[in-house]
N, C-alpha and C. Protein backbone atom coordinates (compact mmCIF):
# COMPACT_ATOMS: atom_id res chain seq x y z
N UNK A 1 -25.97 -0.41 28.78
CA UNK A 1 -24.90 -0.39 27.80
C UNK A 1 -23.72 0.39 28.40
N UNK A 2 -22.55 -0.20 28.32
CA UNK A 2 -21.37 0.38 28.94
C UNK A 2 -20.40 0.97 27.91
N UNK A 3 -19.67 1.96 28.34
CA UNK A 3 -18.68 2.60 27.48
C UNK A 3 -17.68 1.59 26.95
N UNK A 4 -17.23 0.68 27.81
CA UNK A 4 -16.19 -0.27 27.40
C UNK A 4 -16.59 -1.11 26.20
N UNK A 5 -17.89 -1.26 25.97
CA UNK A 5 -18.37 -2.07 24.86
C UNK A 5 -18.40 -1.31 23.54
N UNK A 6 -18.24 0.00 23.58
CA UNK A 6 -18.33 0.81 22.36
C UNK A 6 -17.15 1.76 22.13
N UNK A 7 -16.33 1.96 23.12
CA UNK A 7 -15.20 2.89 22.96
C UNK A 7 -14.18 2.33 21.98
N UNK A 8 -13.40 3.22 21.45
CA UNK A 8 -12.26 2.81 20.62
C UNK A 8 -11.08 2.62 21.57
N UNK A 9 -10.57 1.38 21.69
CA UNK A 9 -9.46 1.15 22.62
C UNK A 9 -8.13 1.63 22.04
N UNK A 10 -7.17 1.79 22.91
CA UNK A 10 -5.80 2.18 22.52
C UNK A 10 -5.77 3.36 21.55
N UNK A 11 -6.29 4.50 21.98
CA UNK A 11 -6.35 5.65 21.07
C UNK A 11 -4.97 6.22 20.75
N UNK A 12 -4.92 6.85 19.60
CA UNK A 12 -3.73 7.57 19.17
C UNK A 12 -3.63 8.83 20.03
N UNK A 13 -2.43 9.19 20.45
CA UNK A 13 -2.23 10.38 21.27
C UNK A 13 -1.11 11.24 20.68
N UNK A 14 -0.95 12.40 21.28
CA UNK A 14 0.16 13.28 20.91
C UNK A 14 0.70 13.90 22.19
N UNK A 15 1.98 14.18 22.21
CA UNK A 15 2.61 14.82 23.38
C UNK A 15 2.34 16.31 23.37
N UNK A 16 2.26 16.89 24.55
CA UNK A 16 1.94 18.31 24.68
C UNK A 16 3.03 19.23 24.11
N UNK A 17 4.24 18.72 23.96
CA UNK A 17 5.32 19.57 23.43
C UNK A 17 5.49 19.42 21.91
N UNK A 18 4.62 18.62 21.28
CA UNK A 18 4.68 18.46 19.82
C UNK A 18 4.20 19.74 19.15
N UNK A 19 4.69 20.00 17.96
CA UNK A 19 4.26 21.15 17.17
C UNK A 19 2.82 20.89 16.71
N UNK A 20 2.01 21.93 16.71
CA UNK A 20 0.61 21.74 16.36
C UNK A 20 0.43 21.21 14.93
N UNK A 21 1.39 21.50 14.07
CA UNK A 21 1.27 21.00 12.69
C UNK A 21 1.38 19.47 12.63
N UNK A 22 2.12 18.90 13.55
CA UNK A 22 2.24 17.44 13.56
C UNK A 22 0.91 16.78 13.92
N UNK A 23 0.07 17.49 14.67
CA UNK A 23 -1.24 16.94 15.01
C UNK A 23 -2.11 16.79 13.76
N UNK A 24 -1.98 17.73 12.82
CA UNK A 24 -2.70 17.58 11.54
C UNK A 24 -2.31 16.27 10.87
N UNK A 25 -1.02 16.00 10.82
CA UNK A 25 -0.53 14.79 10.17
C UNK A 25 -1.06 13.54 10.86
N UNK A 26 -1.04 13.54 12.20
CA UNK A 26 -1.52 12.38 12.95
C UNK A 26 -3.01 12.17 12.70
N UNK A 27 -3.79 13.25 12.76
CA UNK A 27 -5.23 13.12 12.53
C UNK A 27 -5.53 12.64 11.11
N UNK A 28 -4.81 13.18 10.16
CA UNK A 28 -5.02 12.79 8.77
C UNK A 28 -4.65 11.32 8.55
N UNK A 29 -3.52 10.91 9.11
CA UNK A 29 -3.06 9.53 8.95
C UNK A 29 -4.05 8.52 9.53
N UNK A 30 -4.67 8.87 10.66
CA UNK A 30 -5.55 7.93 11.36
C UNK A 30 -7.03 8.20 11.11
N UNK A 31 -7.36 9.24 10.37
CA UNK A 31 -8.75 9.54 10.07
C UNK A 31 -9.57 9.90 11.29
N UNK A 32 -8.99 10.70 12.19
CA UNK A 32 -9.68 11.08 13.43
C UNK A 32 -9.83 12.60 13.51
N UNK A 33 -10.75 13.03 14.38
CA UNK A 33 -11.02 14.46 14.55
C UNK A 33 -10.69 14.98 15.95
N UNK A 34 -10.37 14.08 16.86
CA UNK A 34 -10.03 14.45 18.24
C UNK A 34 -8.77 13.69 18.64
N UNK A 35 -7.89 14.39 19.33
CA UNK A 35 -6.61 13.80 19.68
C UNK A 35 -6.31 14.10 21.15
N UNK A 36 -6.27 13.07 21.99
CA UNK A 36 -5.89 13.29 23.38
C UNK A 36 -4.41 13.72 23.46
N UNK A 37 -4.14 14.64 24.35
CA UNK A 37 -2.79 15.13 24.56
C UNK A 37 -2.30 14.57 25.89
N UNK A 38 -1.12 13.93 25.85
CA UNK A 38 -0.59 13.32 27.06
C UNK A 38 0.70 14.01 27.49
N UNK A 39 0.91 13.97 28.81
CA UNK A 39 2.11 14.55 29.39
C UNK A 39 3.21 13.51 29.53
N UNK A 40 4.23 13.86 30.28
CA UNK A 40 5.42 13.01 30.40
C UNK A 40 5.14 11.68 31.10
N UNK A 41 4.10 11.64 31.94
CA UNK A 41 3.75 10.39 32.62
C UNK A 41 2.59 9.69 31.91
N UNK A 42 2.37 10.03 30.65
CA UNK A 42 1.29 9.47 29.84
C UNK A 42 -0.10 9.76 30.40
N UNK A 43 -0.22 10.78 31.22
CA UNK A 43 -1.52 11.20 31.73
C UNK A 43 -2.17 12.17 30.75
N UNK A 44 -3.49 12.15 30.68
CA UNK A 44 -4.20 13.07 29.80
C UNK A 44 -4.12 14.48 30.38
N UNK A 45 -3.53 15.38 29.60
CA UNK A 45 -3.38 16.77 30.06
C UNK A 45 -4.18 17.74 29.20
N UNK A 46 -4.76 17.22 28.11
CA UNK A 46 -5.55 18.08 27.24
C UNK A 46 -6.15 17.28 26.10
N UNK A 47 -6.84 18.01 25.24
CA UNK A 47 -7.40 17.41 24.04
C UNK A 47 -7.40 18.47 22.96
N UNK A 48 -7.20 18.03 21.74
CA UNK A 48 -7.20 18.96 20.61
C UNK A 48 -8.16 18.39 19.56
N UNK A 49 -9.00 19.26 19.05
CA UNK A 49 -9.93 18.88 17.99
C UNK A 49 -9.46 19.46 16.67
N UNK A 50 -9.88 18.86 15.60
CA UNK A 50 -9.48 19.33 14.28
C UNK A 50 -9.85 20.79 14.09
N UNK A 51 -11.02 21.19 14.57
CA UNK A 51 -11.42 22.60 14.41
C UNK A 51 -10.48 23.53 15.19
N UNK A 52 -9.95 23.08 16.33
CA UNK A 52 -8.98 23.89 17.09
C UNK A 52 -7.70 24.07 16.29
N UNK A 53 -7.29 22.99 15.63
CA UNK A 53 -6.07 23.06 14.82
C UNK A 53 -6.25 23.99 13.63
N UNK A 54 -7.42 23.97 13.04
CA UNK A 54 -7.68 24.87 11.91
C UNK A 54 -7.63 26.32 12.35
N UNK A 55 -8.16 26.61 13.53
CA UNK A 55 -8.09 27.99 14.06
C UNK A 55 -6.64 28.35 14.36
N UNK A 56 -5.89 27.43 14.93
CA UNK A 56 -4.48 27.69 15.23
C UNK A 56 -3.71 27.96 13.96
N UNK A 57 -3.97 27.18 12.93
CA UNK A 57 -3.28 27.36 11.65
C UNK A 57 -3.59 28.74 11.07
N UNK A 58 -4.82 29.16 11.24
CA UNK A 58 -5.22 30.47 10.74
C UNK A 58 -4.53 31.59 11.51
N UNK A 59 -4.36 31.41 12.80
CA UNK A 59 -3.76 32.45 13.65
C UNK A 59 -2.23 32.46 13.59
N UNK A 60 -1.63 31.27 13.61
CA UNK A 60 -0.18 31.19 13.77
C UNK A 60 0.57 30.96 12.47
N UNK A 61 -0.14 30.62 11.40
CA UNK A 61 0.46 30.38 10.08
C UNK A 61 1.67 29.46 10.18
N UNK A 62 2.84 29.98 9.95
CA UNK A 62 4.07 29.17 9.94
C UNK A 62 4.84 29.20 11.26
N UNK A 63 4.32 29.89 12.26
CA UNK A 63 5.04 29.99 13.54
C UNK A 63 5.06 28.63 14.23
N UNK A 64 6.18 28.28 14.85
CA UNK A 64 6.24 27.02 15.61
C UNK A 64 5.49 27.17 16.93
N UNK A 65 4.38 26.48 17.05
CA UNK A 65 3.53 26.56 18.24
C UNK A 65 3.30 25.15 18.75
N UNK A 66 3.49 24.97 20.06
CA UNK A 66 3.29 23.64 20.65
C UNK A 66 1.81 23.38 20.88
N UNK A 67 1.47 22.11 20.88
CA UNK A 67 0.11 21.67 21.16
C UNK A 67 -0.37 22.26 22.49
N UNK A 68 0.50 22.32 23.47
CA UNK A 68 0.12 22.85 24.79
C UNK A 68 -0.44 24.26 24.70
N UNK A 69 -0.05 25.01 23.68
CA UNK A 69 -0.52 26.38 23.53
C UNK A 69 -1.90 26.48 22.89
N UNK A 70 -2.38 25.43 22.28
CA UNK A 70 -3.66 25.50 21.58
C UNK A 70 -4.68 24.44 22.04
N UNK A 71 -4.27 23.53 22.90
CA UNK A 71 -5.17 22.47 23.34
C UNK A 71 -6.15 22.97 24.39
N UNK A 72 -7.23 22.23 24.56
CA UNK A 72 -8.16 22.47 25.64
C UNK A 72 -7.62 21.74 26.86
N UNK A 73 -7.42 22.45 27.93
CA UNK A 73 -6.81 21.85 29.13
C UNK A 73 -7.83 21.20 30.06
N UNK A 74 -9.02 21.75 30.14
CA UNK A 74 -10.05 21.16 31.01
C UNK A 74 -10.74 20.04 30.24
N UNK A 75 -10.31 18.82 30.48
CA UNK A 75 -10.81 17.67 29.72
C UNK A 75 -11.77 16.87 30.58
N UNK A 76 -12.98 16.72 30.05
CA UNK A 76 -13.94 15.84 30.69
C UNK A 76 -13.59 14.42 30.29
N UNK A 77 -13.63 13.51 31.23
CA UNK A 77 -13.29 12.12 30.95
C UNK A 77 -14.40 11.20 31.47
N UNK A 78 -14.28 9.95 31.13
CA UNK A 78 -15.22 8.93 31.60
C UNK A 78 -14.43 7.68 31.99
N UNK A 79 -15.10 6.78 32.66
CA UNK A 79 -14.53 5.48 33.01
C UNK A 79 -15.15 4.44 32.09
N UNK A 80 -14.40 3.40 31.79
CA UNK A 80 -14.89 2.34 30.90
C UNK A 80 -16.16 1.68 31.44
N UNK A 81 -16.31 1.67 32.75
CA UNK A 81 -17.48 1.03 33.38
C UNK A 81 -18.69 1.96 33.46
N UNK A 82 -18.57 3.22 33.04
CA UNK A 82 -19.70 4.15 33.02
C UNK A 82 -20.70 3.72 31.95
N UNK A 83 -21.93 4.17 32.09
CA UNK A 83 -22.94 3.85 31.09
C UNK A 83 -22.84 4.81 29.91
N UNK A 84 -23.26 4.32 28.75
CA UNK A 84 -23.32 5.17 27.56
C UNK A 84 -24.29 6.31 27.77
N UNK A 85 -25.35 6.07 28.50
CA UNK A 85 -26.33 7.11 28.76
C UNK A 85 -25.70 8.29 29.50
N UNK A 86 -24.92 7.99 30.55
CA UNK A 86 -24.24 9.07 31.29
C UNK A 86 -23.24 9.79 30.41
N UNK A 87 -22.50 9.05 29.61
CA UNK A 87 -21.51 9.66 28.72
C UNK A 87 -22.19 10.54 27.68
N UNK A 88 -23.27 10.05 27.09
CA UNK A 88 -24.00 10.84 26.09
C UNK A 88 -24.55 12.11 26.73
N UNK A 89 -25.06 11.99 27.93
CA UNK A 89 -25.57 13.16 28.65
C UNK A 89 -24.49 14.20 28.88
N UNK A 90 -23.32 13.74 29.27
CA UNK A 90 -22.19 14.64 29.49
C UNK A 90 -21.76 15.32 28.18
N UNK A 91 -21.74 14.56 27.11
CA UNK A 91 -21.35 15.12 25.81
C UNK A 91 -22.37 16.15 25.33
N UNK A 92 -23.65 15.86 25.52
CA UNK A 92 -24.70 16.80 25.14
C UNK A 92 -24.62 18.07 25.98
N UNK A 93 -24.54 17.88 27.28
CA UNK A 93 -24.52 19.03 28.21
C UNK A 93 -23.36 19.99 27.93
N UNK A 94 -22.20 19.42 27.63
CA UNK A 94 -21.00 20.25 27.43
C UNK A 94 -20.69 20.52 25.96
N UNK A 95 -21.56 20.01 25.08
CA UNK A 95 -21.41 20.23 23.63
C UNK A 95 -20.02 19.82 23.13
N UNK A 96 -19.67 18.58 23.45
CA UNK A 96 -18.38 18.04 23.03
C UNK A 96 -18.61 16.78 22.19
N UNK A 97 -17.64 16.45 21.35
CA UNK A 97 -17.79 15.34 20.43
C UNK A 97 -17.13 14.04 20.86
N UNK A 98 -16.43 14.06 22.00
CA UNK A 98 -15.78 12.84 22.45
C UNK A 98 -15.43 12.93 23.93
N UNK A 99 -15.15 11.79 24.50
CA UNK A 99 -14.67 11.69 25.88
C UNK A 99 -13.49 10.73 25.93
N UNK A 100 -12.34 11.17 26.43
CA UNK A 100 -11.29 10.21 26.72
C UNK A 100 -11.77 9.28 27.84
N UNK A 101 -11.46 8.02 27.71
CA UNK A 101 -11.88 7.02 28.70
C UNK A 101 -10.64 6.58 29.48
N UNK A 102 -10.73 6.70 30.79
CA UNK A 102 -9.59 6.36 31.66
C UNK A 102 -9.81 5.02 32.33
N UNK A 103 -8.69 4.33 32.60
CA UNK A 103 -8.78 3.08 33.34
C UNK A 103 -8.73 3.39 34.83
N UNK A 104 -8.68 2.35 35.65
CA UNK A 104 -8.67 2.54 37.11
C UNK A 104 -7.43 3.27 37.61
N UNK A 105 -6.35 3.27 36.81
CA UNK A 105 -5.11 3.96 37.19
C UNK A 105 -5.03 5.37 36.59
N UNK A 106 -6.16 5.84 36.06
CA UNK A 106 -6.25 7.18 35.45
C UNK A 106 -5.39 7.32 34.20
N UNK A 107 -5.12 6.19 33.55
CA UNK A 107 -4.41 6.19 32.28
C UNK A 107 -5.43 6.06 31.15
N UNK A 108 -5.09 6.58 30.00
CA UNK A 108 -5.98 6.56 28.86
C UNK A 108 -6.19 5.13 28.36
N UNK A 109 -7.45 4.71 28.35
CA UNK A 109 -7.79 3.35 27.92
C UNK A 109 -8.53 3.35 26.58
N UNK A 110 -9.13 4.48 26.23
CA UNK A 110 -9.89 4.53 25.00
C UNK A 110 -10.48 5.90 24.76
N UNK A 111 -11.25 6.00 23.67
CA UNK A 111 -11.97 7.22 23.34
C UNK A 111 -13.39 6.83 22.99
N UNK A 112 -14.33 7.62 23.47
CA UNK A 112 -15.73 7.45 23.10
C UNK A 112 -16.12 8.67 22.28
N UNK A 113 -16.54 8.42 21.06
CA UNK A 113 -16.89 9.51 20.14
C UNK A 113 -18.37 9.46 19.79
N UNK A 114 -18.83 10.50 19.12
CA UNK A 114 -20.20 10.53 18.64
C UNK A 114 -20.47 9.32 17.74
N UNK A 115 -19.52 8.94 16.94
CA UNK A 115 -19.68 7.79 16.05
C UNK A 115 -19.91 6.52 16.86
N UNK A 116 -19.21 6.38 17.98
CA UNK A 116 -19.41 5.21 18.85
C UNK A 116 -20.84 5.20 19.40
N UNK A 117 -21.36 6.38 19.75
CA UNK A 117 -22.73 6.47 20.26
C UNK A 117 -23.74 6.12 19.17
N UNK A 118 -23.46 6.53 17.93
CA UNK A 118 -24.34 6.16 16.82
C UNK A 118 -24.34 4.64 16.61
N UNK A 119 -23.19 4.01 16.79
CA UNK A 119 -23.11 2.55 16.68
C UNK A 119 -23.98 1.90 17.74
N UNK A 120 -23.94 2.41 18.97
CA UNK A 120 -24.77 1.87 20.04
C UNK A 120 -26.25 2.07 19.72
N UNK A 121 -26.61 3.22 19.18
CA UNK A 121 -28.00 3.48 18.80
C UNK A 121 -28.44 2.50 17.71
N UNK A 122 -27.60 2.31 16.73
CA UNK A 122 -27.93 1.36 15.66
C UNK A 122 -28.14 -0.04 16.22
N UNK A 123 -27.27 -0.45 17.15
CA UNK A 123 -27.43 -1.77 17.77
C UNK A 123 -28.76 -1.88 18.50
N UNK A 124 -29.17 -0.81 19.19
CA UNK A 124 -30.45 -0.82 19.88
C UNK A 124 -31.62 -0.91 18.91
N UNK A 125 -31.53 -0.14 17.84
CA UNK A 125 -32.61 -0.12 16.85
C UNK A 125 -32.72 -1.43 16.09
N UNK A 126 -31.60 -2.14 15.94
CA UNK A 126 -31.59 -3.40 15.21
C UNK A 126 -32.02 -4.59 16.06
N UNK A 127 -32.17 -4.40 17.38
CA UNK A 127 -32.59 -5.51 18.25
C UNK A 127 -34.02 -5.91 17.92
N UNK A 128 -34.24 -7.19 17.85
CA UNK A 128 -35.63 -7.64 17.63
C UNK A 128 -36.50 -7.25 18.83
N UNK A 129 -37.72 -6.88 18.54
CA UNK A 129 -38.65 -6.45 19.62
C UNK A 129 -39.15 -7.60 20.43
């Protein structure tokens, strides 16, 4: 089973110079919990999770703070052609809830989340023996 068959393509992103409060609005609008952060060349430069935003809101209150100041910079990624097993192993090992998926040009092609892995598990369990 490959990542490309279960990832969410064309993920929503946010720029690193956006205010962290705008990330709340984007996540709320799209019903997501993880948001890839892209730089000026549309490369993945970080990731922000809803829990990170909640901590930032608690610390910074009304102060204008950019996403770059609160995002996780060391982002683990995967390739669309990687196996779900390898991706799940990476997510378990690093205790993370998603992996940005890059194409051959190192551009963001999708997101693989825990929900996507549950979908793959359900598909496996539903296969006739």
